[in-house]
Amino acid sequence: MPVNADRNAKRYYKSGQFVPLDGLYGDMWGGWLPFMKGDQFPSHPTMGASKWSYEGPLATGLPELRKASHTLRK
């Protein structure tokens, strides 16, 4: 875990700012995206400008997708 990861966990970044370190970031609308240092935080496609927060290193993996409640037909 990077030394300044804990400090960045409590910080918010605005759309258009540059990503300070590699990791998984969440926006205020509930979206999660992986970013690499130097990327720019995007705006939400529908809601516009957003705030992003550091959620953890990429080693933790992406959040698991929900599985459909119905079964597939064979």
C-alpha atoms as a PDB file:
ATOM      1  CA  MET A   1       0.000   0.000   0.000  1.00  0.00           C
ATOM      2  CA  PRO A   2       1.445   3.408  -0.916  1.00  0.00           C
ATOM      3  CA  VAL A   3       2.505   5.591   1.999  1.00  0.00           C
ATOM      4  CA  ASN A   4       0.116   8.428   1.132  1.00  0.00           C
ATOM      5  CA  ALA A   5      -2.845   6.141   0.316  1.00  0.00           C
ATOM      6  CA  ASP A   6      -4.313   6.577   3.824  1.00  0.00           C
ATOM      7  CA  ARG A   7      -4.069  10.364   3.534  1.00  0.00           C
ATOM      8  CA  ASN A   8      -5.751  10.291   0.090  1.00  0.00           C
ATOM      9  CA  ALA A   9      -8.614   8.117   1.409  1.00  0.00           C
ATOM     10  CA  LYS A  10     -10.118  11.134   3.171  1.00  0.00           C
ATOM     11  CA  ARG A  11      -9.656  13.541   0.274  1.00  0.00           C
ATOM     12  CA  TYR A  12     -12.065  14.395  -2.522  1.00  0.00           C
ATOM     13  CA  TYR A  13     -11.083  15.245  -6.094  1.00  0.00           C
ATOM     14  CA  LYS A  14     -13.177  17.135  -8.643  1.00  0.00           C
ATOM     15  CA  SER A  15     -13.822  16.140 -12.239  1.00  0.00           C
ATOM     16  CA  GLY A  16     -10.997  17.457 -14.411  1.00  0.00           C
ATOM     17  CA  GLN A  17      -8.310  17.087 -11.742  1.00  0.00           C
ATOM     18  CA  PHE A  18      -5.409  14.700 -12.290  1.00  0.00           C
ATOM     19  CA  VAL A  19      -5.320  11.365 -10.439  1.00  0.00           C
ATOM     20  CA  PRO A  20      -2.610  11.475  -7.716  1.00  0.00           C
ATOM     21  CA  LEU A  21      -1.941   7.703  -7.491  1.00  0.00           C
ATOM     22  CA  ASP A  22      -3.024   4.387  -8.985  1.00  0.00           C
ATOM     23  CA  GLY A  23      -6.127   2.947  -7.384  1.00  0.00           C
ATOM     24  CA  LEU A  24      -9.837   2.429  -7.322  1.00  0.00           C
ATOM     25  CA  TYR A  25     -11.912   5.612  -6.989  1.00  0.00           C
ATOM     26  CA  GLY A  26     -15.601   6.102  -6.291  1.00  0.00           C
ATOM     27  CA  ASP A  27     -17.704   9.062  -7.346  1.00  0.00           C
ATOM     28  CA  MET A  28     -20.532  10.683  -5.416  1.00  0.00           C
ATOM     29  CA  TRP A  29     -23.103   8.983  -7.698  1.00  0.00           C
ATOM     30  CA  GLY A  30     -22.020   5.474  -6.672  1.00  0.00           C
ATOM     31  CA  GLY A  31     -19.770   4.640  -9.620  1.00  0.00           C
ATOM     32  CA  TRP A  32     -16.382   2.969  -9.165  1.00  0.00           C
ATOM     33  CA  LEU A  33     -13.549   3.169 -11.675  1.00  0.00           C
ATOM     34  CA  PRO A  34      -9.875   2.192 -11.679  1.00  0.00           C
ATOM     35  CA  PHE A  35      -7.479   5.042 -12.504  1.00  0.00           C
ATOM     36  CA  MET A  36      -3.754   5.279 -13.080  1.00  0.00           C
ATOM     37  CA  LYS A  37      -1.630   8.174 -11.840  1.00  0.00           C
ATOM     38  CA  GLY A  38      -1.863  11.040 -14.336  1.00  0.00           C
ATOM     39  CA  ASP A  39      -5.379  10.204 -15.626  1.00  0.00           C
ATOM     40  CA  GLN A  40      -8.049  12.885 -15.352  1.00  0.00           C
ATOM     41  CA  PHE A  41     -11.168  12.367 -13.291  1.00  0.00           C
ATOM     42  CA  PRO A  42     -14.144  12.381 -15.684  1.00  0.00           C
ATOM     43  CA  SER A  43     -17.557  13.963 -15.293  1.00  0.00           C
ATOM     44  CA  HIS A  44     -20.582  11.732 -14.853  1.00  0.00           C
ATOM     45  CA  PRO A  45     -22.258  11.199 -18.272  1.00  0.00           C
ATOM     46  CA  THR A  46     -25.697  12.235 -16.989  1.00  0.00           C
ATOM     47  CA  MET A  47     -25.151  14.222 -13.806  1.00  0.00           C
ATOM     48  CA  GLY A  48     -22.136  16.293 -14.937  1.00  0.00           C
ATOM     49  CA  ALA A  49     -19.270  17.348 -12.669  1.00  0.00           C
ATOM     50  CA  SER A  50     -18.594  14.981  -9.809  1.00  0.00           C
ATOM     51  CA  LYS A  51     -16.410  14.492  -6.740  1.00  0.00           C
ATOM     52  CA  TRP A  52     -14.185  11.414  -6.510  1.00  0.00           C
ATOM     53  CA  SER A  53     -12.651   9.719  -3.467  1.00  0.00           C
ATOM     54  CA  TYR A  54      -9.881   7.141  -3.177  1.00  0.00           C
ATOM     55  CA  GLU A  55     -11.331   3.705  -2.321  1.00  0.00           C
ATOM     56  CA  GLY A  56      -8.191   1.559  -2.297  1.00  0.00           C
ATOM     57  CA  PRO A  57      -5.307   0.150  -4.305  1.00  0.00           C
ATOM     58  CA  LEU A  58      -5.922  -1.761  -7.512  1.00  0.00           C
ATOM     59  CA  ALA A  59      -4.640  -4.913  -5.801  1.00  0.00           C
ATOM     60  CA  THR A  60      -7.980  -5.143  -3.966  1.00  0.00           C
ATOM     61  CA  GLY A  61      -9.706  -5.753  -7.305  1.00  0.00           C
ATOM     62  CA  LEU A  62     -12.854  -4.332  -8.758  1.00  0.00           C
ATOM     63  CA  PRO A  63     -16.191  -4.629  -6.968  1.00  0.00           C
ATOM     64  CA  GLU A  64     -18.043  -7.819  -7.823  1.00  0.00           C
ATOM     65  CA  LEU A  65     -20.908  -7.415 -10.263  1.00  0.00           C
ATOM     66  CA  ARG A  66     -24.347  -8.480  -9.120  1.00  0.00           C
ATOM     67  CA  LYS A  67     -25.534 -11.721 -10.614  1.00  0.00           C
ATOM     68  CA  ALA A  68     -28.926 -11.925 -12.284  1.00  0.00           C
ATOM     69  CA  SER A  69     -31.655 -13.362 -10.103  1.00  0.00           C
ATOM     70  CA  HIS A  70     -32.986 -15.558 -12.911  1.00  0.00           C
ATOM     71  CA  THR A  71     -31.299 -18.587 -14.399  1.00  0.00           C
ATOM     72  CA  LEU A  72     -30.404 -18.931 -18.036  1.00  0.00           C
ATOM     73  CA  ARG A  73     -32.405 -21.327 -20.175  1.00  0.00           C
ATOM     74  CA  LYS A  74     -30.578 -24.191 -21.803  1.00  0.00           C
END
